[in-house]
N, C-alpha and C. Protein backbone atom coordinates (compact mmCIF):
# COMPACT_ATOMS: atom_id res chain seq x y z
N MET A 1 -10.57 -0.06 18.60
CA MET A 1 -11.80 -0.91 18.23
C MET A 1 -11.31 -2.26 17.64
N SER A 2 -10.01 -2.91 17.69
CA SER A 2 -9.43 -3.89 17.09
C SER A 2 -10.23 -5.02 17.64
N PHE A 3 -10.49 -6.26 16.46
CA PHE A 3 -11.35 -7.45 17.04
C PHE A 3 -10.26 -8.65 16.78
N PRO A 4 -10.64 -9.61 17.46
CA PRO A 4 -10.01 -11.17 16.67
C PRO A 4 -10.42 -11.69 15.48
N ALA A 5 -9.93 -12.02 14.68
CA ALA A 5 -10.54 -13.00 13.78
C ALA A 5 -11.71 -13.80 13.96
N PRO A 6 -12.77 -13.58 13.11
CA PRO A 6 -13.80 -14.42 12.81
C PRO A 6 -13.32 -16.09 12.56
N ALA A 7 -13.88 -17.14 13.20
CA ALA A 7 -13.43 -18.35 12.50
C ALA A 7 -12.78 -18.53 11.19
N TRP A 8 -14.12 -18.32 10.57
CA TRP A 8 -13.66 -18.36 8.73
C TRP A 8 -12.80 -17.72 8.46
N ASP A 9 -12.60 -16.23 8.58
CA ASP A 9 -11.49 -15.59 8.13
C ASP A 9 -10.30 -15.97 8.93
N LYS A 10 -9.67 -16.67 9.86
CA LYS A 10 -8.73 -17.16 10.13
C LYS A 10 -8.76 -18.46 9.84
N ALA A 11 -9.57 -19.04 9.25
CA ALA A 11 -9.29 -20.63 8.63
C ALA A 11 -9.19 -20.24 7.48
N LEU A 12 -9.48 -19.58 6.68
CA LEU A 12 -9.09 -18.99 5.11
C LEU A 12 -7.45 -18.48 5.08
N PHE A 13 -7.35 -17.79 5.63
CA PHE A 13 -6.52 -17.22 6.17
C PHE A 13 -4.88 -18.30 6.40
N GLU A 14 -5.27 -19.37 7.30
CA GLU A 14 -4.33 -20.33 7.61
C GLU A 14 -4.37 -21.20 6.64
N CYS A 15 -5.16 -21.26 5.92
CA CYS A 15 -5.19 -22.11 4.20
C CYS A 15 -4.24 -21.83 3.08
N VAL A 16 -4.46 -20.24 3.10
CA VAL A 16 -3.23 -19.30 1.80
C VAL A 16 -2.00 -19.35 2.89
N ASN A 17 -1.75 -19.04 3.82
CA ASN A 17 -0.44 -18.23 4.65
C ASN A 17 0.13 -20.09 5.14
N ARG A 18 -0.65 -20.69 5.45
CA ARG A 18 0.18 -21.77 6.17
C ARG A 18 0.13 -23.36 5.19
N ILE A 19 -0.95 -23.53 4.38
CA ILE A 19 -0.99 -25.07 3.93
C ILE A 19 -0.99 -24.58 2.43
N VAL A 20 -1.59 -24.08 1.79
CA VAL A 20 -1.17 -24.07 0.35
C VAL A 20 0.18 -22.99 -0.30
N ARG A 21 1.22 -23.53 0.15
CA ARG A 21 2.59 -23.18 -0.18
C ARG A 21 3.38 -23.50 -1.13
N HIS A 22 4.11 -22.76 -1.56
CA HIS A 22 4.82 -23.34 -3.19
C HIS A 22 6.32 -22.64 -3.00
N PRO A 23 7.23 -23.20 -3.37
CA PRO A 23 8.38 -22.28 -3.77
C PRO A 23 8.39 -21.22 -4.99
N ILE A 24 7.66 -21.73 -5.74
CA ILE A 24 7.71 -20.30 -7.19
C ILE A 24 6.75 -19.11 -6.17
N LEU A 25 5.64 -19.60 -5.27
CA LEU A 25 4.51 -18.63 -4.76
C LEU A 25 5.51 -17.72 -3.52
N ASP A 26 6.80 -18.31 -3.27
CA ASP A 26 7.19 -17.58 -2.13
C ASP A 26 8.25 -16.54 -3.08
N VAL A 27 8.33 -17.00 -4.22
CA VAL A 27 9.23 -15.78 -4.77
C VAL A 27 8.23 -15.09 -5.40
N ALA A 28 7.27 -15.12 -6.10
CA ALA A 28 6.08 -14.31 -6.58
C ALA A 28 5.22 -13.25 -5.79
N MET A 29 4.92 -13.60 -4.91
CA MET A 29 3.85 -13.29 -3.71
C MET A 29 4.83 -11.81 -3.45
N PRO A 30 5.96 -12.04 -2.93
CA PRO A 30 6.61 -10.30 -2.36
C PRO A 30 6.57 -9.76 -3.48
N VAL A 31 6.99 -10.09 -5.11
CA VAL A 31 7.08 -9.15 -6.27
C VAL A 31 5.67 -8.63 -6.08
N LEU A 32 4.51 -9.24 -6.09
CA LEU A 32 3.21 -8.38 -6.60
C LEU A 32 3.06 -7.67 -5.33
N SER A 33 3.58 -7.67 -3.92
CA SER A 33 2.91 -6.78 -3.14
C SER A 33 4.03 -5.52 -2.84
N SER A 34 5.68 -5.20 -4.07
CA SER A 34 6.42 -4.84 -4.06
C SER A 34 6.05 -3.67 -4.48
N ALA A 35 6.73 -2.34 -4.40
CA ALA A 35 6.44 -0.87 -4.61
C ALA A 35 6.88 -0.78 -6.14
N ALA A 36 7.92 -1.71 -6.18
CA ALA A 36 9.01 -2.00 -7.65
C ALA A 36 7.90 -2.40 -8.59
N PHE A 37 7.04 -3.34 -8.37
CA PHE A 37 6.16 -4.11 -9.05
C PHE A 37 5.07 -2.81 -9.69
N LEU A 38 4.62 -2.11 -8.52
CA LEU A 38 3.65 -1.28 -9.23
C LEU A 38 4.09 -0.41 -9.96
N TRP A 39 5.55 0.09 -9.29
CA TRP A 39 5.55 1.57 -10.19
C TRP A 39 6.16 0.87 -11.96
N VAL A 40 6.53 -0.34 -11.89
CA VAL A 40 6.75 -1.05 -13.67
C VAL A 40 5.51 -0.82 -14.09
N LEU A 41 4.56 -1.48 -13.60
CA LEU A 41 3.18 -1.32 -14.16
C LEU A 41 2.49 -0.23 -14.46
N GLY A 42 2.60 1.01 -13.52
CA GLY A 42 2.60 1.97 -13.94
C GLY A 42 2.99 2.84 -15.14
N ALA A 43 4.38 2.06 -15.17
CA ALA A 43 5.19 2.66 -16.85
C ALA A 43 4.22 2.46 -17.53
N VAL A 44 4.48 1.08 -17.30
CA VAL A 44 3.47 0.20 -18.82
C VAL A 44 2.28 0.71 -19.39
N VAL A 45 1.58 1.22 -18.08
CA VAL A 45 0.12 1.69 -18.30
C VAL A 45 0.25 3.60 -19.25
N PHE A 46 1.62 4.09 -18.30
CA PHE A 46 1.52 5.37 -19.08
C PHE A 46 2.23 5.45 -20.59
N ALA A 47 3.04 4.25 -20.76
CA ALA A 47 3.66 3.80 -22.21
C ALA A 47 2.20 3.73 -23.09
N TRP A 48 1.28 3.01 -22.25
CA TRP A 48 0.42 2.37 -22.98
C TRP A 48 -0.54 3.46 -23.70
N THR A 49 -0.55 4.91 -22.80
CA THR A 49 -1.31 6.02 -23.06
C THR A 49 -0.96 6.79 -24.41
N LEU A 50 0.59 6.28 -24.76
CA LEU A 50 0.83 7.08 -26.09
C LEU A 50 0.25 6.53 -27.49
N ARG A 51 -0.44 5.58 -27.26
CA ARG A 51 -1.04 5.07 -28.30
C ARG A 51 -2.26 5.51 -28.38
N GLY A 52 -3.12 5.41 -29.47
CA GLY A 52 -4.52 5.50 -30.10
C GLY A 52 -5.12 7.35 -29.81
N ASN A 53 -5.70 7.50 -28.64
CA ASN A 53 -5.94 8.92 -28.28
C ASN A 53 -5.40 9.50 -27.31
N ILE A 54 -4.15 10.17 -27.71
CA ILE A 54 -3.54 10.33 -26.41
C ILE A 54 -4.08 11.37 -25.42
N LYS A 55 -4.71 12.19 -26.06
CA LYS A 55 -5.81 13.29 -25.21
C LYS A 55 -6.65 12.12 -23.93
N ARG A 56 -7.44 11.61 -24.81
CA ARG A 56 -8.55 10.58 -23.81
C ARG A 56 -7.61 9.87 -22.90
N ASN A 57 -6.76 9.11 -23.48
CA ASN A 57 -5.80 8.29 -22.62
C ASN A 57 -4.74 8.60 -21.30
N LEU A 58 -4.66 10.30 -21.69
CA LEU A 58 -3.69 10.89 -20.34
C LEU A 58 -5.16 11.53 -19.43
N ILE A 59 -6.04 11.74 -19.90
CA ILE A 59 -7.23 11.97 -18.88
C ILE A 59 -7.63 10.86 -17.79
N GLY A 60 -7.57 9.81 -18.73
CA GLY A 60 -7.99 8.77 -18.49
C GLY A 60 -6.89 8.22 -17.10
N VAL A 61 -5.73 8.50 -17.63
CA VAL A 61 -4.77 8.06 -16.21
C VAL A 61 -4.44 8.91 -15.34
N LEU A 62 -5.03 10.44 -15.30
CA LEU A 62 -5.46 11.45 -14.38
C LEU A 62 -6.43 10.91 -13.34
N ILE A 63 -7.49 10.21 -13.99
CA ILE A 63 -8.54 10.15 -13.31
C ILE A 63 -8.27 8.30 -12.59
N LEU A 64 -7.22 7.73 -13.00
CA LEU A 64 -6.87 6.80 -12.82
C LEU A 64 -6.01 7.05 -11.19
N ALA A 65 -5.09 7.55 -11.45
CA ALA A 65 -4.40 8.38 -10.07
C ALA A 65 -5.20 9.02 -9.01
N ALA A 66 -6.15 9.82 -9.86
CA ALA A 66 -6.91 10.55 -8.20
C ALA A 66 -8.15 9.10 -7.66
N ALA A 67 -8.45 8.28 -8.25
CA ALA A 67 -9.10 7.05 -7.89
C ALA A 67 -8.27 6.00 -6.92
N VAL A 68 -7.09 5.69 -6.94
CA VAL A 68 -5.87 5.41 -6.57
C VAL A 68 -5.75 6.33 -5.30
N GLY A 69 -5.15 7.34 -5.57
CA GLY A 69 -5.43 8.44 -4.51
C GLY A 69 -6.22 8.37 -3.31
N ALA A 70 -7.03 8.53 -3.60
CA ALA A 70 -8.49 8.47 -3.19
C ALA A 70 -8.25 7.32 -1.82
N SER A 71 -8.57 6.28 -2.89
CA SER A 71 -8.76 4.82 -2.04
C SER A 71 -7.45 4.86 -1.40
N ASP A 72 -6.08 5.11 -1.41
CA ASP A 72 -5.10 4.71 -0.68
C ASP A 72 -5.35 5.85 0.73
N LEU A 73 -6.22 7.08 0.23
CA LEU A 73 -6.09 8.15 1.39
C LEU A 73 -7.22 7.19 2.35
N GLY A 74 -8.41 7.24 2.19
CA GLY A 74 -9.41 6.63 2.63
C GLY A 74 -9.08 5.26 3.40
N THR A 75 -8.53 4.66 2.87
CA THR A 75 -8.02 3.08 3.90
C THR A 75 -7.15 3.61 5.45
N ASN A 76 -6.37 3.96 5.05
CA ASN A 76 -5.32 4.78 5.80
C ASN A 76 -5.91 5.40 6.91
N VAL A 77 -7.23 6.31 6.75
CA VAL A 77 -7.78 6.82 7.55
C VAL A 77 -8.97 5.81 8.49
N ILE A 78 -9.24 4.59 7.77
CA ILE A 78 -10.13 3.74 8.18
C ILE A 78 -9.10 2.98 9.24
N LYS A 79 -7.86 2.48 8.47
CA LYS A 79 -7.24 1.51 9.04
C LYS A 79 -6.88 2.14 10.73
N LYS A 80 -6.57 3.26 11.27
CA LYS A 80 -5.91 3.59 12.01
C LYS A 80 -7.21 4.05 13.19
N LYS A 81 -8.37 3.91 12.21
CA LYS A 81 -9.26 4.06 13.54
C LYS A 81 -9.81 2.76 14.01
N ILE A 82 -9.68 1.78 13.25
CA ILE A 82 -10.22 0.12 13.29
C ILE A 82 -9.33 -0.71 14.22
N ALA A 83 -7.81 -0.46 13.71
CA ALA A 83 -6.88 -0.68 14.38
C ALA A 83 -6.54 -2.02 14.91
N ARG A 84 -7.16 -2.92 13.91
CA ARG A 84 -6.99 -3.91 13.90
C ARG A 84 -5.30 -4.69 13.56
N VAL A 85 -5.24 -5.98 14.28
CA VAL A 85 -3.59 -6.08 14.54
C VAL A 85 -3.16 -7.50 13.28
N ARG A 86 -2.36 -6.87 12.59
CA ARG A 86 -1.84 -7.63 11.43
C ARG A 86 -1.66 -9.03 12.23
N PRO A 87 -2.32 -10.18 10.91
CA PRO A 87 -1.84 -11.31 11.35
C PRO A 87 -0.90 -11.99 11.76
N LEU A 88 0.20 -11.24 11.10
CA LEU A 88 1.53 -12.12 11.39
C LEU A 88 1.93 -11.32 13.07
N ASN A 89 1.54 -10.49 13.58
CA ASN A 89 1.50 -10.31 14.66
C ASN A 89 0.29 -10.62 15.53
N ALA A 90 -0.44 -11.41 15.27
CA ALA A 90 -1.10 -11.53 16.28
C ALA A 90 -1.22 -13.57 16.48
N LEU A 91 -0.78 -14.66 15.45
CA LEU A 91 -0.95 -15.83 15.19
C LEU A 91 0.27 -16.36 15.00
N GLN A 92 -0.09 -17.48 15.82
CA GLN A 92 0.99 -18.45 15.68
C GLN A 92 1.29 -18.99 14.73
N GLY A 93 2.48 -19.52 14.06
CA GLY A 93 2.33 -20.12 12.88
C GLY A 93 2.41 -19.30 11.32
N THR A 94 2.24 -17.87 11.58
CA THR A 94 2.19 -17.35 10.42
C THR A 94 3.52 -16.96 9.79
N HIS A 95 3.46 -17.47 8.71
CA HIS A 95 4.97 -17.34 7.87
C HIS A 95 4.84 -15.85 6.89
N PHE A 96 5.90 -15.11 7.22
CA PHE A 96 5.90 -13.98 6.97
C PHE A 96 7.47 -13.48 6.29
N ILE A 97 7.55 -12.15 5.81
CA ILE A 97 9.21 -11.96 4.89
C ILE A 97 9.69 -10.83 5.94
N GLU A 98 10.86 -10.93 6.49
CA GLU A 98 11.20 -10.09 7.43
C GLU A 98 12.89 -9.96 6.84
N ASP A 99 13.44 -8.70 6.71
CA ASP A 99 15.12 -8.74 6.49
C ASP A 99 15.18 -9.74 5.05
N GLY A 100 14.35 -10.07 3.83
CA GLY A 100 14.09 -10.26 2.88
C GLY A 100 13.94 -11.79 2.84
N GLU A 101 13.82 -12.16 4.48
CA GLU A 101 14.16 -13.67 4.21
C GLU A 101 12.53 -14.27 4.91
N TRP A 102 11.78 -15.56 4.15
CA TRP A 102 10.84 -16.05 5.00
C TRP A 102 11.26 -16.41 6.02
N ARG A 103 10.22 -16.08 7.40
CA ARG A 103 10.21 -16.34 8.66
C ARG A 103 8.71 -16.99 9.02
N GLN A 104 8.83 -17.75 10.49
CA GLN A 104 7.46 -18.40 10.75
C GLN A 104 7.50 -18.12 12.23
N ARG A 105 6.27 -17.77 12.52
CA ARG A 105 6.02 -17.27 13.89
C ARG A 105 6.11 -18.81 14.45
N PRO A 106 6.42 -19.07 16.06
CA PRO A 106 6.91 -20.33 16.56
C PRO A 106 5.37 -20.55 17.13
N GLU A 107 4.75 -21.88 17.62
CA GLU A 107 4.02 -21.88 18.24
C GLU A 107 3.60 -21.55 19.66
N THR A 108 5.32 -21.06 19.97
CA THR A 108 4.86 -20.49 21.46
C THR A 108 4.70 -18.77 21.14
N PHE A 109 4.85 -18.46 20.35
CA PHE A 109 4.51 -16.87 19.92
C PHE A 109 3.44 -16.04 20.56
N THR A 110 3.60 -15.09 21.25
CA THR A 110 2.85 -14.39 22.19
C THR A 110 2.43 -13.01 21.89
N PRO A 111 1.45 -13.10 20.69
CA PRO A 111 0.70 -11.37 20.73
C PRO A 111 1.06 -10.35 21.83
N THR A 112 1.94 -9.34 21.40
CA THR A 112 1.76 -8.07 22.23
C THR A 112 1.37 -7.00 21.64
N LYS A 113 1.16 -6.69 20.35
CA LYS A 113 0.55 -5.42 19.66
C LYS A 113 -1.07 -5.53 19.96
N GLU A 114 -1.70 -4.20 20.72
CA GLU A 114 -2.91 -4.13 20.86
C GLU A 114 -3.28 -3.45 19.77
N LYS A 115 -2.68 -2.72 18.75
CA LYS A 115 -3.37 -2.13 17.71
C LYS A 115 -2.19 -2.35 16.45
N GLY A 116 -3.34 -2.09 15.47
CA GLY A 116 -2.50 -2.30 13.83
C GLY A 116 -2.94 -1.94 13.06
N THR A 117 -2.58 -2.09 11.88
CA THR A 117 -3.33 -1.28 10.61
C THR A 117 -3.54 -2.79 9.54
N SER A 118 -4.42 -3.50 9.76
CA SER A 118 -4.79 -4.81 9.31
C SER A 118 -6.28 -4.09 8.47
N LEU A 119 -6.96 -4.00 8.67
CA LEU A 119 -7.97 -3.86 8.22
C LEU A 119 -8.61 -2.17 7.95
N PRO A 120 -8.96 -1.67 6.32
CA PRO A 120 -8.70 -2.86 5.23
C PRO A 120 -7.66 -2.94 5.01
N SER A 121 -7.08 -3.85 3.35
CA SER A 121 -6.08 -3.68 3.30
C SER A 121 -5.83 -2.59 1.69
N ALA A 122 -4.81 -1.66 1.97
CA ALA A 122 -4.95 -0.59 1.28
C ALA A 122 -4.00 -1.19 -0.20
N HIS A 123 -3.06 -2.41 -0.34
CA HIS A 123 -2.80 -2.59 -1.55
C HIS A 123 -4.17 -3.57 -2.35
N ALA A 124 -5.17 -3.91 -1.69
CA ALA A 124 -5.89 -4.55 -2.52
C ALA A 124 -6.99 -3.85 -2.34
N ALA A 125 -7.47 -2.39 -1.57
CA ALA A 125 -8.36 -1.28 -2.47
C ALA A 125 -7.61 -0.54 -3.54
N ASN A 126 -5.83 -0.32 -3.32
CA ASN A 126 -5.51 0.39 -4.61
C ASN A 126 -5.55 -0.05 -5.68
N ALA A 127 -5.61 -1.68 -5.60
CA ALA A 127 -5.26 -2.66 -7.14
C ALA A 127 -6.51 -2.49 -7.56
N MET A 128 -7.91 -2.78 -6.74
CA MET A 128 -9.04 -2.86 -6.96
C MET A 128 -9.73 -1.52 -8.28
N ALA A 129 -9.01 -0.18 -7.31
CA ALA A 129 -9.55 1.20 -7.89
C ALA A 129 -9.01 1.42 -9.27
N ALA A 130 -7.69 0.79 -9.29
CA ALA A 130 -6.99 0.73 -10.73
C ALA A 130 -7.79 -0.04 -11.69
N ALA A 131 -8.17 -1.22 -11.13
CA ALA A 131 -8.61 -2.01 -12.17
C ALA A 131 -9.99 -1.61 -12.48
N PHE A 132 -10.91 -0.94 -11.66
CA PHE A 132 -12.03 -0.56 -11.74
C PHE A 132 -11.88 0.27 -12.69
N ILE A 133 -11.26 1.50 -12.71
CA ILE A 133 -11.16 2.73 -13.76
C ILE A 133 -11.00 1.63 -15.21
N ALA A 134 -9.58 1.53 -15.27
CA ALA A 134 -9.42 0.71 -16.17
C ALA A 134 -10.78 0.17 -17.22
N PHE A 135 -11.00 -0.77 -16.23
CA PHE A 135 -12.50 -1.40 -16.85
C PHE A 135 -13.68 -0.55 -17.58
N LEU A 136 -13.52 0.50 -16.68
CA LEU A 136 -14.32 1.50 -16.82
C LEU A 136 -14.48 2.58 -18.27
N LEU A 137 -13.03 2.60 -18.26
CA LEU A 137 -12.22 3.82 -19.54
C LEU A 137 -11.83 3.26 -20.79
N TRP A 138 -11.13 1.89 -20.71
CA TRP A 138 -10.23 1.20 -21.63
C TRP A 138 -11.13 -0.56 -21.87
N PRO A 139 -12.04 -0.43 -22.64
CA PRO A 139 -12.62 -1.85 -22.93
C PRO A 139 -12.02 -2.64 -23.09
N GLY A 140 -11.10 -2.32 -23.93
CA GLY A 140 -9.85 -3.41 -24.41
C GLY A 140 -9.44 -4.54 -23.63
N THR A 141 -9.35 -3.91 -21.96
CA THR A 141 -8.96 -4.44 -20.53
C THR A 141 -9.82 -5.32 -19.88
N ARG A 142 -10.94 -5.39 -20.42
CA ARG A 142 -12.19 -6.13 -19.54
C ARG A 142 -11.83 -7.59 -19.24
N LYS A 143 -11.33 -8.30 -19.96
CA LYS A 143 -11.22 -9.70 -19.93
C LYS A 143 -10.07 -9.94 -19.06
N LEU A 144 -9.25 -9.04 -18.89
CA LEU A 144 -7.96 -9.66 -17.74
C LEU A 144 -7.84 -8.81 -16.32
N ILE A 145 -8.23 -7.60 -16.47
CA ILE A 145 -7.93 -6.53 -15.25
C ILE A 145 -7.92 -6.67 -14.08
N PHE A 146 -9.35 -7.75 -13.80
CA PHE A 146 -9.58 -8.14 -12.27
C PHE A 146 -8.72 -9.00 -11.93
N LEU A 147 -7.90 -9.47 -12.66
CA LEU A 147 -6.65 -10.65 -12.22
C LEU A 147 -5.64 -9.68 -11.16
N LEU A 148 -5.48 -8.21 -11.72
CA LEU A 148 -4.47 -7.33 -10.44
C LEU A 148 -4.97 -7.63 -9.36
N PRO A 149 -6.36 -6.84 -8.84
CA PRO A 149 -6.59 -6.66 -7.13
C PRO A 149 -6.73 -8.50 -6.94
N LEU A 150 -7.13 -9.31 -7.78
CA LEU A 150 -7.14 -10.63 -7.17
C LEU A 150 -5.66 -11.15 -6.78
N LEU A 151 -4.85 -10.67 -7.48
CA LEU A 151 -3.14 -11.55 -7.33
C LEU A 151 -2.67 -10.69 -6.13
N VAL A 152 -3.20 -9.19 -6.36
CA VAL A 152 -2.15 -8.81 -5.12
C VAL A 152 -3.37 -8.85 -3.59
N GLY A 153 -4.49 -8.89 -4.06
CA GLY A 153 -5.04 -9.46 -2.46
C GLY A 153 -4.27 -10.55 -2.31
N TYR A 154 -4.41 -11.40 -3.06
CA TYR A 154 -3.77 -13.02 -2.58
C TYR A 154 -2.24 -13.28 -2.00
N SER A 155 -2.13 -12.07 -2.90
CA SER A 155 -0.74 -12.05 -1.76
C SER A 155 -0.41 -11.54 -0.53
N ARG A 156 -1.20 -10.47 -0.47
CA ARG A 156 -0.96 -9.80 0.96
C ARG A 156 -1.43 -10.86 2.20
N VAL A 157 -2.20 -11.87 1.96
CA VAL A 157 -2.71 -12.86 2.76
C VAL A 157 -1.53 -13.74 3.04
N TYR A 158 -0.82 -14.06 2.01
CA TYR A 158 0.37 -15.23 1.41
C TYR A 158 1.26 -14.42 2.63
N LEU A 159 1.26 -13.25 2.17
CA LEU A 159 2.78 -12.75 3.45
C LEU A 159 2.56 -12.66 4.58
N GLY A 160 1.28 -12.54 5.14
CA GLY A 160 0.64 -12.65 6.42
C GLY A 160 0.57 -11.52 7.19
N LYS A 161 0.33 -10.30 5.76
CA LYS A 161 0.08 -8.98 5.72
C LYS A 161 -1.24 -9.01 6.56
N HIS A 162 -2.47 -9.33 5.60
CA HIS A 162 -3.97 -9.41 6.24
C HIS A 162 -4.34 -10.80 6.44
N TYR A 163 -5.51 -9.93 6.61
CA TYR A 163 -6.49 -11.79 6.63
C TYR A 163 -7.50 -11.24 5.71
N PRO A 164 -8.19 -12.43 5.03
CA PRO A 164 -8.96 -12.29 3.73
C PRO A 164 -9.82 -11.03 3.99
N LEU A 165 -10.84 -11.29 5.23
CA LEU A 165 -11.51 -9.84 5.38
C LEU A 165 -10.91 -8.62 5.08
N ASP A 166 -10.03 -8.31 5.78
CA ASP A 166 -9.49 -7.28 5.01
C ASP A 166 -8.80 -7.04 3.27
N VAL A 167 -8.81 -7.80 2.98
CA VAL A 167 -8.63 -7.78 1.33
C VAL A 167 -9.89 -7.44 0.71
N LEU A 168 -11.01 -8.11 1.03
CA LEU A 168 -12.49 -8.20 0.74
C LEU A 168 -12.51 -6.71 1.01
N THR A 169 -12.58 -6.35 2.19
CA THR A 169 -13.06 -4.93 2.62
C THR A 169 -12.17 -3.73 1.76
N GLY A 170 -10.94 -4.27 1.20
CA GLY A 170 -10.62 -3.46 0.76
C GLY A 170 -10.89 -3.27 -0.63
N TRP A 171 -11.09 -4.21 -1.35
CA TRP A 171 -11.53 -4.36 -2.64
C TRP A 171 -12.99 -3.75 -2.92
N VAL A 172 -13.87 -4.05 -1.48
CA VAL A 172 -14.80 -3.07 -2.04
C VAL A 172 -14.67 -1.37 -1.93
N PHE A 173 -13.73 -1.24 -0.72
CA PHE A 173 -13.57 0.60 -0.82
C PHE A 173 -12.70 0.46 -1.89
N GLY A 174 -12.25 0.07 -2.63
CA GLY A 174 -11.46 0.57 -3.67
C GLY A 174 -12.15 0.81 -4.64
N MET A 175 -13.59 0.26 -4.80
CA MET A 175 -14.36 -0.34 -5.90
C MET A 175 -15.46 1.19 -6.18
N ALA A 176 -15.41 1.22 -4.73
CA ALA A 176 -16.42 2.80 -4.25
C ALA A 176 -15.94 3.66 -4.10
N ALA A 177 -14.36 3.95 -4.10
CA ALA A 177 -13.76 5.29 -4.26
C ALA A 177 -13.41 5.50 -5.97
N ALA A 178 -13.17 4.47 -6.75
CA ALA A 178 -13.07 5.11 -7.66
C ALA A 178 -14.35 4.81 -8.97
N GLY A 179 -15.49 4.18 -8.07
CA GLY A 179 -16.73 5.04 -8.80
C GLY A 179 -17.14 6.01 -8.32
N LEU A 180 -16.92 6.65 -7.36
CA LEU A 180 -16.87 8.19 -7.14
C LEU A 180 -16.00 9.02 -7.73
N VAL A 181 -14.88 8.86 -7.73
CA VAL A 181 -13.93 9.42 -8.71
C VAL A 181 -14.45 9.41 -10.31
N TYR A 182 -14.79 8.23 -10.61
CA TYR A 182 -14.92 8.38 -12.07
C TYR A 182 -16.30 9.00 -12.12
N ALA A 183 -16.97 8.97 -11.85
CA ALA A 183 -18.17 9.39 -11.47
C ALA A 183 -18.05 11.30 -12.03
N LEU A 184 -17.46 11.79 -11.09
CA LEU A 184 -16.98 13.19 -11.08
C LEU A 184 -16.14 13.27 -12.06
N GLY A 185 -15.32 12.81 -12.34
CA GLY A 185 -14.41 12.82 -13.67
C GLY A 185 -14.97 13.18 -14.90
N ILE A 186 -16.03 12.23 -15.29
CA ILE A 186 -16.73 12.32 -16.17
C ILE A 186 -17.40 13.76 -15.79
N ARG A 187 -18.23 13.85 -15.25
CA ARG A 187 -18.58 15.49 -15.25
C ARG A 187 -18.11 16.56 -15.28
N LEU A 188 -16.94 16.68 -14.51
CA LEU A 188 -15.72 17.51 -14.82
C LEU A 188 -15.42 17.62 -16.55
N CYS A 189 -15.55 16.40 -16.85
CA CYS A 189 -14.72 16.36 -18.19
C CYS A 189 -16.02 16.82 -18.95
N ALA A 190 -17.23 16.65 -18.96
CA ALA A 190 -18.19 17.39 -19.80
C ALA A 190 -18.41 18.68 -19.73
N ARG A 191 -18.01 19.19 -18.51
CA ARG A 191 -18.37 20.66 -17.92
C ARG A 191 -17.17 21.20 -18.76
N PHE A 192 -15.91 20.80 -19.37
CA PHE A 192 -15.13 21.58 -20.12
C PHE A 192 -15.10 21.04 -21.53
N GLY A 193 -16.18 20.48 -21.76
CA GLY A 193 -16.48 19.87 -23.29
C GLY A 193 -15.65 18.82 -24.15
N VAL A 194 -15.37 17.68 -22.93
CA VAL A 194 -14.93 16.78 -23.47
C VAL A 194 -15.80 15.80 -23.05
N SER A 195 -16.28 15.09 -24.05
CA SER A 195 -16.96 14.09 -24.13
C SER A 195 -16.38 12.52 -23.80
N LEU A 196 -15.98 12.59 -22.94
CA LEU A 196 -15.28 11.04 -22.31
C LEU A 196 -16.07 9.75 -22.55
N LYS A 197 -16.92 10.04 -22.11
CA LYS A 197 -18.32 8.83 -21.95
C LYS A 197 -18.60 8.30 -23.60
N ALA A 198 -18.67 9.09 -24.38
CA ALA A 198 -19.18 8.71 -25.65
C ALA A 198 -18.09 8.17 -26.04
N ARG A 199 -16.67 8.78 -26.10
CA ARG A 199 -15.92 7.96 -26.88
C ARG A 199 -15.88 6.33 -26.26
N ILE A 200 -16.14 6.53 -25.07
CA ILE A 200 -15.90 5.02 -23.96
C ILE A 200 -17.16 3.96 -24.68
N ASP A 201 -18.10 4.59 -24.96
CA ASP A 201 -19.01 3.75 -25.41
C ASP A 201 -18.89 3.45 -26.73
N ALA A 202 -18.36 4.44 -27.45
CA ALA A 202 -17.77 3.88 -28.93
C ALA A 202 -16.98 2.75 -29.11
N GLU A 203 -15.84 3.02 -28.33
CA GLU A 203 -15.04 1.74 -28.30
C GLU A 203 -15.85 0.45 -27.69
N SER A 204 -16.35 0.33 -26.79
CA SER A 204 -17.15 -0.37 -26.71
C SER A 204 -17.81 -1.41 -26.92
N SER A 205 -18.69 -0.42 -28.23
CA SER A 205 -19.45 -1.15 -29.20
C SER A 205 -18.35 -1.86 -30.02
N ASN A 206 -17.90 -1.19 -30.59
CA ASN A 206 -16.49 -1.12 -31.64
C ASN A 206 -15.57 -2.61 -30.93
N SER A 207 -15.59 -2.72 -29.46
CA SER A 207 -14.38 -3.89 -29.17
C SER A 207 -15.22 -5.09 -29.39
N PRO A 208 -14.13 -6.31 -30.20
CA PRO A 208 -14.92 -7.26 -30.22
C PRO A 208 -15.06 -8.03 -28.68
N ARG A 209 -16.41 -9.20 -29.10
CA ARG A 209 -16.63 -9.58 -28.00
C ARG A 209 -16.19 -11.13 -27.63
C-alpha cells in the first residue's frame, strides 16, 4: 500500500529538509528527536508531579503514559500496513544523519526500498498525545505545551525521516488516542471515587488568564 509523495507534501518536505537549513538547527533537531531528550523530559514531568496534589498528579502521569503507549502501539501497527518509504530512502538530495554525521543523498541516488515505516510518524503522534493529556490535566501548561509536538514534528522532517503528511497524520492520531485514553481515565477515576475532572475544572477556573 506504499505510495509516492503528493506534490505539496514533497514541496514542503524539500523546503524544510533542503532549503531552510542552519548550523544551529543541525544540532538542535537531532536532540529533539532523541530518546535522551524524551527521557529527560519525562523525568522533569515526574519531578513536577511531586509539587501540589501528588495523588492527582501521579494519576495524571499514569494517564499520560497510557496515552503515549496507545499512540505508539497504534502508529506502529498502521505504519507497517501502509508501508510508506521514508523520504531519506526515496528522494534524491535528502539530508539525513548516519553514524552521527550529516549526509545527503546524491542527485544520482536510486531508491531501492519498496516498503518502509514512514506514515504516520510515531514521534509526532506520541508528542501530541503527551501534550494533549497535559493540556487537559494541567491547565498551567496550556500556553506552551503544544510547542512540544510542533518542534518534534518539525525535527522529523528536518532529519529526513518523515514527510509533512506523516507528521500531520501522527498529530491527528496522537490526539485521538489521547482523547480516548483521557475519557476512559476520567470514567475509571470516577468509578473509584476520585473526582479528577472536578479538580481539573477548579484549577482551570482559578488559573490566571
